Every structure is written in structure tokens, then in C-alpha cells.
Amino acid sequence: MSLTGWIYVTAAITILLLVAIVMVTRRVIRTVPGAGVDARAIGELVAELRRSNDLAERRLAALEARVEALEGRGIRQGGA
């Protein structure tokens, strides 16, 4: 067989191996229990963290406003 023939045979075998690997990998991913559940759980966790962060930022802003109001009252009372 010529060199070109061996190259074609090697390429065909390599393609068949890659196709087999992809097929087995897909089948394994489908059979693993909870494969899609993990991604969903992580998404829910990220959403919960964002909500908690937003709540904390709102509380911090409210506290800053109260401190400014108290400081403003203290300056007015101290200066009078």
C-alpha cells in the first residue's frame, strides 16, 4: 500500500475513534445521576447570593442615610 493509502486508513481510524469517544462520553453524561441538577443548583445559589447582596446594599445605604441625618442633627444642636 502506498503512503497516501496509509494516511487515509490512519485518518479513517482516527475519525472512528473520535466518534466512539464522543458517543461514549454523551452516554455516560446522560446516565450520571444529577448531571443537570448540579448546574441548576449552582444557578439558584448564584441568584440567592445576588438577592442577599442587593438586600445588604440597601440596608447599608439606609444606615448611611441615618448616620448622615444624626450627624446633621448633632451639628445643628452643637452649633446652636
PDB file of N, CA and C in Angstrom:
ATOM      1  N   MET A   1       0.849  -1.172   0.000  1.00  0.00           N
ATOM      2  CA  MET A   1       0.000   0.000   0.000  1.00  0.00           C
ATOM      3  C   MET A   1       0.898   1.241   0.000  1.00  0.00           C
ATOM      4  N   SER A   2       0.459   2.249  -0.715  1.00  0.00           N
ATOM      5  CA  SER A   2       1.255   3.470  -0.819  1.00  0.00           C
ATOM      6  C   SER A   2       1.114   4.309   0.450  1.00  0.00           C
ATOM      7  N   LEU A   3       1.944   5.307   0.539  1.00  0.00           N
ATOM      8  CA  LEU A   3       1.932   6.209   1.687  1.00  0.00           C
ATOM      9  C   LEU A   3       0.591   6.938   1.786  1.00  0.00           C
ATOM     10  N   THR A   4       0.047   7.352   0.664  1.00  0.00           N
ATOM     11  CA  THR A   4      -1.249   8.027   0.651  1.00  0.00           C
ATOM     12  C   THR A   4      -2.348   7.106   1.184  1.00  0.00           C
ATOM     13  N   GLY A   5      -2.302   5.855   0.839  1.00  0.00           N
ATOM     14  CA  GLY A   5      -3.276   4.882   1.326  1.00  0.00           C
ATOM     15  C   GLY A   5      -3.200   4.724   2.833  1.00  0.00           C
ATOM     16  N   TRP A   6      -1.967   4.638   3.350  1.00  0.00           N
ATOM     17  CA  TRP A   6      -1.808   4.535   4.803  1.00  0.00           C
ATOM     18  C   TRP A   6      -2.323   5.787   5.510  1.00  0.00           C
ATOM     19  N   ILE A   7      -2.115   6.937   4.928  1.00  0.00           N
ATOM     20  CA  ILE A   7      -2.614   8.190   5.526  1.00  0.00           C
ATOM     21  C   ILE A   7      -4.136   8.164   5.590  1.00  0.00           C
ATOM     22  N   TYR A   8      -4.777   7.717   4.514  1.00  0.00           N
ATOM     23  CA  TYR A   8      -6.249   7.639   4.503  1.00  0.00           C
ATOM     24  C   TYR A   8      -6.761   6.634   5.535  1.00  0.00           C
ATOM     25  N   VAL A   9      -6.112   5.500   5.638  1.00  0.00           N
ATOM     26  CA  VAL A   9      -6.516   4.475   6.606  1.00  0.00           C
ATOM     27  C   VAL A   9      -6.344   5.003   8.031  1.00  0.00           C
ATOM     28  N   THR A  10      -5.226   5.632   8.297  1.00  0.00           N
ATOM     29  CA  THR A  10      -4.971   6.198   9.630  1.00  0.00           C
ATOM     30  C   THR A  10      -5.981   7.287   9.968  1.00  0.00           C
ATOM     31  N   ALA A  11      -6.292   8.142   9.012  1.00  0.00           N
ATOM     32  CA  ALA A  11      -7.278   9.208   9.233  1.00  0.00           C
ATOM     33  C   ALA A  11      -8.655   8.612   9.509  1.00  0.00           C
ATOM     34  N   ALA A  12      -9.033   7.571   8.773  1.00  0.00           N
ATOM     35  CA  ALA A  12     -10.336   6.937   8.973  1.00  0.00           C
ATOM     36  C   ALA A  12     -10.421   6.298  10.359  1.00  0.00           C
ATOM     37  N   ILE A  13      -9.351   5.629  10.779  1.00  0.00           N
ATOM     38  CA  ILE A  13      -9.338   5.007  12.111  1.00  0.00           C
ATOM     39  C   ILE A  13      -9.412   6.078  13.198  1.00  0.00           C
ATOM     40  N   THR A  14      -8.688   7.164  13.010  1.00  0.00           N
ATOM     41  CA  THR A  14      -8.705   8.253  13.988  1.00  0.00           C
ATOM     42  C   THR A  14     -10.100   8.856  14.100  1.00  0.00           C
ATOM     43  N   ILE A  15     -10.761   9.076  12.985  1.00  0.00           N
ATOM     44  CA  ILE A  15     -12.120   9.632  12.993  1.00  0.00           C
ATOM     45  C   ILE A  15     -13.072   8.674  13.689  1.00  0.00           C
ATOM     46  N   LEU A  16     -12.961   7.375  13.413  1.00  0.00           N
ATOM     47  CA  LEU A  16     -13.818   6.396  14.078  1.00  0.00           C
ATOM     48  C   LEU A  16     -13.597   6.389  15.592  1.00  0.00           C
ATOM     49  N   LEU A  17     -12.349   6.493  16.023  1.00  0.00           N
ATOM     50  CA  LEU A  17     -12.062   6.550  17.454  1.00  0.00           C
ATOM     51  C   LEU A  17     -12.659   7.795  18.099  1.00  0.00           C
ATOM     52  N   LEU A  18     -12.520   8.936  17.440  1.00  0.00           N
ATOM     53  CA  LEU A  18     -13.086  10.168  17.988  1.00  0.00           C
ATOM     54  C   LEU A  18     -14.604  10.095  18.081  1.00  0.00           C
ATOM     55  N   VAL A  19     -15.251   9.548  17.059  1.00  0.00           N
ATOM     56  CA  VAL A  19     -16.709   9.389  17.089  1.00  0.00           C
ATOM     57  C   VAL A  19     -17.110   8.470  18.231  1.00  0.00           C
ATOM     58  N   ALA A  20     -16.382   7.374  18.430  1.00  0.00           N
ATOM     59  CA  ALA A  20     -16.686   6.447  19.520  1.00  0.00           C
ATOM     60  C   ALA A  20     -16.515   7.118  20.876  1.00  0.00           C
ATOM     61  N   ILE A  21     -15.468   7.916  21.033  1.00  0.00           N
ATOM     62  CA  ILE A  21     -15.234   8.621  22.298  1.00  0.00           C
ATOM     63  C   ILE A  21     -16.380   9.585  22.584  1.00  0.00           C
ATOM     64  N   VAL A  22     -16.806  10.338  21.573  1.00  0.00           N
ATOM     65  CA  VAL A  22     -17.906  11.286  21.755  1.00  0.00           C
ATOM     66  C   VAL A  22     -19.192  10.560  22.118  1.00  0.00           C
ATOM     67  N   MET A  23     -19.477   9.459  21.455  1.00  0.00           N
ATOM     68  CA  MET A  23     -20.707   8.712  21.740  1.00  0.00           C
ATOM     69  C   MET A  23     -20.694   8.160  23.162  1.00  0.00           C
ATOM     70  N   VAL A  24     -19.580   7.597  23.580  1.00  0.00           N
ATOM     71  CA  VAL A  24     -19.489   7.048  24.940  1.00  0.00           C
ATOM     72  C   VAL A  24     -19.582   8.167  25.973  1.00  0.00           C
ATOM     73  N   THR A  25     -18.932   9.285  25.718  1.00  0.00           N
ATOM     74  CA  THR A  25     -18.982  10.407  26.653  1.00  0.00           C
ATOM     75  C   THR A  25     -20.400  10.917  26.816  1.00  0.00           C
ATOM     76  N   ARG A  26     -21.130  11.060  25.726  1.00  0.00           N
ATOM     77  CA  ARG A  26     -22.522  11.516  25.811  1.00  0.00           C
ATOM     78  C   ARG A  26     -23.375  10.529  26.588  1.00  0.00           C
ATOM     79  N   ARG A  27     -23.175   9.266  26.350  1.00  0.00           N
ATOM     80  CA  ARG A  27     -23.956   8.244  27.050  1.00  0.00           C
ATOM     81  C   ARG A  27     -23.649   8.268  28.545  1.00  0.00           C
ATOM     82  N   VAL A  28     -22.388   8.450  28.905  1.00  0.00           N
ATOM     83  CA  VAL A  28     -22.009   8.498  30.315  1.00  0.00           C
ATOM     84  C   VAL A  28     -22.606   9.732  30.977  1.00  0.00           C
ATOM     85  N   ILE A  29     -22.564  10.863  30.294  1.00  0.00           N
ATOM     86  CA  ILE A  29     -23.123  12.091  30.861  1.00  0.00           C
ATOM     87  C   ILE A  29     -24.615  11.931  31.104  1.00  0.00           C
ATOM     88  N   ARG A  30     -25.326  11.272  30.197  1.00  0.00           N
ATOM     89  CA  ARG A  30     -26.763  11.076  30.362  1.00  0.00           C
ATOM     90  C   ARG A  30     -27.085  10.145  31.522  1.00  0.00           C
ATOM     91  N   THR A  31     -26.222   9.162  31.772  1.00  0.00           N
ATOM     92  CA  THR A  31     -26.524   8.175  32.809  1.00  0.00           C
ATOM     93  C   THR A  31     -26.075   8.599  34.196  1.00  0.00           C
ATOM     94  N   VAL A  32     -25.240   9.619  34.301  1.00  0.00           N
ATOM     95  CA  VAL A  32     -24.796  10.071  35.617  1.00  0.00           C
ATOM     96  C   VAL A  32     -25.977  10.741  36.316  1.00  0.00           C
ATOM     97  N   PRO A  33     -26.335  10.262  37.492  1.00  0.00           N
ATOM     98  CA  PRO A  33     -27.476  10.871  38.179  1.00  0.00           C
ATOM     99  C   PRO A  33     -27.152  12.290  38.638  1.00  0.00           C
ATOM    100  N   GLY A  34     -28.100  13.188  38.394  1.00  0.00           N
ATOM    101  CA  GLY A  34     -27.938  14.567  38.848  1.00  0.00           C
ATOM    102  C   GLY A  34     -26.999  15.398  38.015  1.00  0.00           C
ATOM    103  N   ALA A  35     -26.718  14.990  36.801  1.00  0.00           N
ATOM    104  CA  ALA A  35     -25.781  15.761  35.975  1.00  0.00           C
ATOM    105  C   ALA A  35     -26.317  17.158  35.686  1.00  0.00           C
ATOM    106  N   GLY A  36     -27.616  17.283  35.396  1.00  0.00           N
ATOM    107  CA  GLY A  36     -28.193  18.596  35.135  1.00  0.00           C
ATOM    108  C   GLY A  36     -28.622  19.313  36.392  1.00  0.00           C
ATOM    109  N   VAL A  37     -28.785  18.566  37.480  1.00  0.00           N
ATOM    110  CA  VAL A  37     -29.255  19.153  38.734  1.00  0.00           C
ATOM    111  C   VAL A  37     -28.182  20.053  39.326  1.00  0.00           C
ATOM    112  N   ASP A  38     -26.922  19.677  39.188  1.00  0.00           N
ATOM    113  CA  ASP A  38     -25.839  20.478  39.742  1.00  0.00           C
ATOM    114  C   ASP A  38     -25.818  21.878  39.133  1.00  0.00           C
ATOM    115  N   ALA A  39     -25.969  21.961  37.837  1.00  0.00           N
ATOM    116  CA  ALA A  39     -25.957  23.264  37.174  1.00  0.00           C
ATOM    117  C   ALA A  39     -27.141  24.102  37.639  1.00  0.00           C
ATOM    118  N   ARG A  40     -28.301  23.474  37.785  1.00  0.00           N
ATOM    119  CA  ARG A  40     -29.482  24.192  38.249  1.00  0.00           C
ATOM    120  C   ARG A  40     -29.283  24.680  39.682  1.00  0.00           C
ATOM    121  N   ALA A  41     -28.704  23.839  40.536  1.00  0.00           N
ATOM    122  CA  ALA A  41     -28.464  24.210  41.927  1.00  0.00           C
ATOM    123  C   ALA A  41     -27.481  25.369  42.020  1.00  0.00           C
ATOM    124  N   ILE A  42     -26.461  25.354  41.188  1.00  0.00           N
ATOM    125  CA  ILE A  42     -25.490  26.450  41.191  1.00  0.00           C
ATOM    126  C   ILE A  42     -26.149  27.741  40.728  1.00  0.00           C
ATOM    127  N   GLY A  43     -27.000  27.649  39.723  1.00  0.00           N
ATOM    128  CA  GLY A  43     -27.725  28.837  39.259  1.00  0.00           C
ATOM    129  C   GLY A  43     -28.618  29.410  40.336  1.00  0.00           C
ATOM    130  N   GLU A  44     -29.306  28.539  41.081  1.00  0.00           N
ATOM    131  CA  GLU A  44     -30.159  29.009  42.178  1.00  0.00           C
ATOM    132  C   GLU A  44     -29.321  29.635  43.286  1.00  0.00           C
ATOM    133  N   LEU A  45     -28.159  29.056  43.570  1.00  0.00           N
ATOM    134  CA  LEU A  45     -27.279  29.610  44.591  1.00  0.00           C
ATOM    135  C   LEU A  45     -26.779  30.993  44.187  1.00  0.00           C
ATOM    136  N   VAL A  46     -26.406  31.157  42.936  1.00  0.00           N
ATOM    137  CA  VAL A  46     -25.941  32.461  42.451  1.00  0.00           C
ATOM    138  C   VAL A  46     -27.056  33.492  42.564  1.00  0.00           C
ATOM    139  N   ALA A  47     -28.277  33.106  42.205  1.00  0.00           N
ATOM    140  CA  ALA A  47     -29.411  34.028  42.309  1.00  0.00           C
ATOM    141  C   ALA A  47     -29.654  34.426  43.759  1.00  0.00           C
ATOM    142  N   GLU A  48     -29.565  33.472  44.666  1.00  0.00           N
ATOM    143  CA  GLU A  48     -29.767  33.769  46.094  1.00  0.00           C
ATOM    144  C   GLU A  48     -28.673  34.696  46.615  1.00  0.00           C
ATOM    145  N   LEU A  49     -27.446  34.470  46.191  1.00  0.00           N
ATOM    146  CA  LEU A  49     -26.353  35.352  46.606  1.00  0.00           C
ATOM    147  C   LEU A  49     -26.552  36.770  46.085  1.00  0.00           C
ATOM    148  N   ARG A  50     -27.043  36.896  44.870  1.00  0.00           N
ATOM    149  CA  ARG A  50     -27.297  38.236  44.321  1.00  0.00           C
ATOM    150  C   ARG A  50     -28.400  38.942  45.105  1.00  0.00           C
ATOM    151  N   ARG A  51     -29.475  38.200  45.440  1.00  0.00           N
ATOM    152  CA  ARG A  51     -30.550  38.806  46.227  1.00  0.00           C
ATOM    153  C   ARG A  51     -30.041  39.243  47.597  1.00  0.00           C
ATOM    154  N   SER A  52     -29.224  38.410  48.223  1.00  0.00           N
ATOM    155  CA  SER A  52     -28.666  38.759  49.530  1.00  0.00           C
ATOM    156  C   SER A  52     -27.766  39.979  49.437  1.00  0.00           C
ATOM    157  N   ASN A  53     -26.985  40.050  48.383  1.00  0.00           N
ATOM    158  CA  ASN A  53     -26.104  41.194  48.191  1.00  0.00           C
ATOM    159  C   ASN A  53     -26.907  42.476  47.986  1.00  0.00           C
ATOM    160  N   ASP A  54     -27.969  42.402  47.196  1.00  0.00           N
ATOM    161  CA  ASP A  54     -28.816  43.571  46.980  1.00  0.00           C
ATOM    162  C   ASP A  54     -29.453  44.034  48.283  1.00  0.00           C
ATOM    163  N   LEU A  55     -29.927  43.084  49.097  1.00  0.00           N
ATOM    164  CA  LEU A  55     -30.530  43.430  50.381  1.00  0.00           C
ATOM    165  C   LEU A  55     -29.506  44.088  51.297  1.00  0.00           C
ATOM    166  N   ALA A  56     -28.301  43.550  51.333  1.00  0.00           N
ATOM    167  CA  ALA A  56     -27.245  44.123  52.170  1.00  0.00           C
ATOM    168  C   ALA A  56     -26.891  45.537  51.704  1.00  0.00           C
ATOM    169  N   GLU A  57     -26.845  45.753  50.402  1.00  0.00           N
ATOM    170  CA  GLU A  57     -26.536  47.093  49.892  1.00  0.00           C
ATOM    171  C   GLU A  57     -27.628  48.094  50.268  1.00  0.00           C
ATOM    172  N   ARG A  58     -28.895  47.661  50.180  1.00  0.00           N
ATOM    173  CA  ARG A  58     -29.989  48.557  50.575  1.00  0.00           C
ATOM    174  C   ARG A  58     -29.922  48.899  52.060  1.00  0.00           C
ATOM    175  N   ARG A  59     -29.632  47.912  52.891  1.00  0.00           N
ATOM    176  CA  ARG A  59     -29.523  48.155  54.330  1.00  0.00           C
ATOM    177  C   ARG A  59     -28.364  49.096  54.642  1.00  0.00           C
ATOM    178  N   LEU A  60     -27.254  48.902  53.963  1.00  0.00           N
ATOM    179  CA  LEU A  60     -26.098  49.769  54.168  1.00  0.00           C
ATOM    180  C   LEU A  60     -26.413  51.198  53.756  1.00  0.00           C
ATOM    181  N   ALA A  61     -27.097  51.366  52.650  1.00  0.00           N
ATOM    182  CA  ALA A  61     -27.487  52.710  52.207  1.00  0.00           C
ATOM    183  C   ALA A  61     -28.427  53.364  53.223  1.00  0.00           C
ATOM    184  N   ALA A  62     -29.362  52.590  53.781  1.00  0.00           N
ATOM    185  CA  ALA A  62     -30.277  53.135  54.786  1.00  0.00           C
ATOM    186  C   ALA A  62     -29.516  53.545  56.042  1.00  0.00           C
ATOM    187  N   LEU A  63     -28.547  52.732  56.453  1.00  0.00           N
ATOM    188  CA  LEU A  63     -27.746  53.082  57.630  1.00  0.00           C
ATOM    189  C   LEU A  63     -26.908  54.333  57.381  1.00  0.00           C
ATOM    190  N   GLU A  64     -26.352  54.459  56.197  1.00  0.00           N
ATOM    191  CA  GLU A  64     -25.574  55.662  55.875  1.00  0.00           C
ATOM    192  C   GLU A  64     -26.457  56.901  55.925  1.00  0.00           C
ATOM    193  N   ALA A  65     -27.678  56.783  55.421  1.00  0.00           N
ATOM    194  CA  ALA A  65     -28.599  57.921  55.461  1.00  0.00           C
ATOM    195  C   ALA A  65     -28.940  58.285  56.902  1.00  0.00           C
ATOM    196  N   ARG A  66     -29.152  57.285  57.748  1.00  0.00           N
ATOM    197  CA  ARG A  66     -29.463  57.567  59.159  1.00  0.00           C
ATOM    198  C   ARG A  66     -28.283  58.234  59.856  1.00  0.00           C
ATOM    199  N   VAL A  67     -27.061  57.761  59.574  1.00  0.00           N
ATOM    200  CA  VAL A  67     -25.872  58.358  60.197  1.00  0.00           C
ATOM    201  C   VAL A  67     -25.734  59.807  59.753  1.00  0.00           C
ATOM    202  N   GLU A  68     -25.940  60.074  58.464  1.00  0.00           N
ATOM    203  CA  GLU A  68     -25.851  61.452  57.980  1.00  0.00           C
ATOM    204  C   GLU A  68     -26.910  62.325  58.639  1.00  0.00           C
ATOM    205  N   ALA A  69     -28.109  61.784  58.801  1.00  0.00           N
ATOM    206  CA  ALA A  69     -29.169  62.556  59.447  1.00  0.00           C
ATOM    207  C   ALA A  69     -28.812  62.846  60.900  1.00  0.00           C
ATOM    208  N   LEU A  70     -28.276  61.866  61.608  1.00  0.00           N
ATOM    209  CA  LEU A  70     -27.879  62.073  63.002  1.00  0.00           C
ATOM    210  C   LEU A  70     -26.715  63.044  63.105  1.00  0.00           C
ATOM    211  N   GLU A  71     -25.765  62.950  62.198  1.00  0.00           N
ATOM    212  CA  GLU A  71     -24.639  63.886  62.204  1.00  0.00           C
ATOM    213  C   GLU A  71     -25.130  65.297  61.922  1.00  0.00           C
ATOM    214  N   GLY A  72     -26.072  65.429  60.999  1.00  0.00           N
ATOM    215  CA  GLY A  72     -26.629  66.749  60.695  1.00  0.00           C
ATOM    216  C   GLY A  72     -27.357  67.322  61.897  1.00  0.00           C
ATOM    217  N   ARG A  73     -28.085  66.491  62.628  1.00  0.00           N
ATOM    218  CA  ARG A  73     -28.776  66.934  63.830  1.00  0.00           C
ATOM    219  C   ARG A  73     -27.782  67.344  64.899  1.00  0.00           C
ATOM    220  N   GLY A  74     -26.690  66.587  65.032  1.00  0.00           N
ATOM    221  CA  GLY A  74     -25.672  66.894  66.039  1.00  0.00           C
ATOM    222  C   GLY A  74     -24.976  68.209  65.755  1.00  0.00           C
ATOM    223  N   ILE A  75     -24.726  68.500  64.480  1.00  0.00           N
ATOM    224  CA  ILE A  75     -24.065  69.754  64.118  1.00  0.00           C
ATOM    225  C   ILE A  75     -24.994  70.917  64.421  1.00  0.00           C
ATOM    226  N   ARG A  76     -26.282  70.756  64.087  1.00  0.00           N
ATOM    227  CA  ARG A  76     -27.236  71.835  64.363  1.00  0.00           C
ATOM    228  C   ARG A  76     -27.404  72.056  65.860  1.00  0.00           C
ATOM    229  N   GLN A  77     -27.434  70.975  66.641  1.00  0.00           N
ATOM    230  CA  GLN A  77     -27.619  71.119  68.085  1.00  0.00           C
ATOM    231  C   GLN A  77     -26.346  71.655  68.734  1.00  0.00           C
ATOM    232  N   GLY A  78     -25.197  71.213  68.276  1.00  0.00           N
ATOM    233  CA  GLY A  78     -23.926  71.665  68.866  1.00  0.00           C
ATOM    234  C   GLY A  78     -23.625  73.102  68.515  1.00  0.00           C
ATOM    235  N   GLY A  79     -24.035  73.572  67.375  1.00  0.00           N
ATOM    236  CA  GLY A  79     -23.734  74.920  66.937  1.00  0.00           C
ATOM    237  C   GLY A  79     -24.728  75.953  67.472  1.00  0.00           C
ATOM    238  N   ALA A  80     -25.854  75.509  67.997  1.00  0.00           N
ATOM    239  CA  ALA A  80     -26.885  76.456  68.455  1.00  0.00           C
ATOM    240  C   ALA A  80     -26.624  77.029  69.799  1.00  0.00           C
TER     241      ALA A  80
END
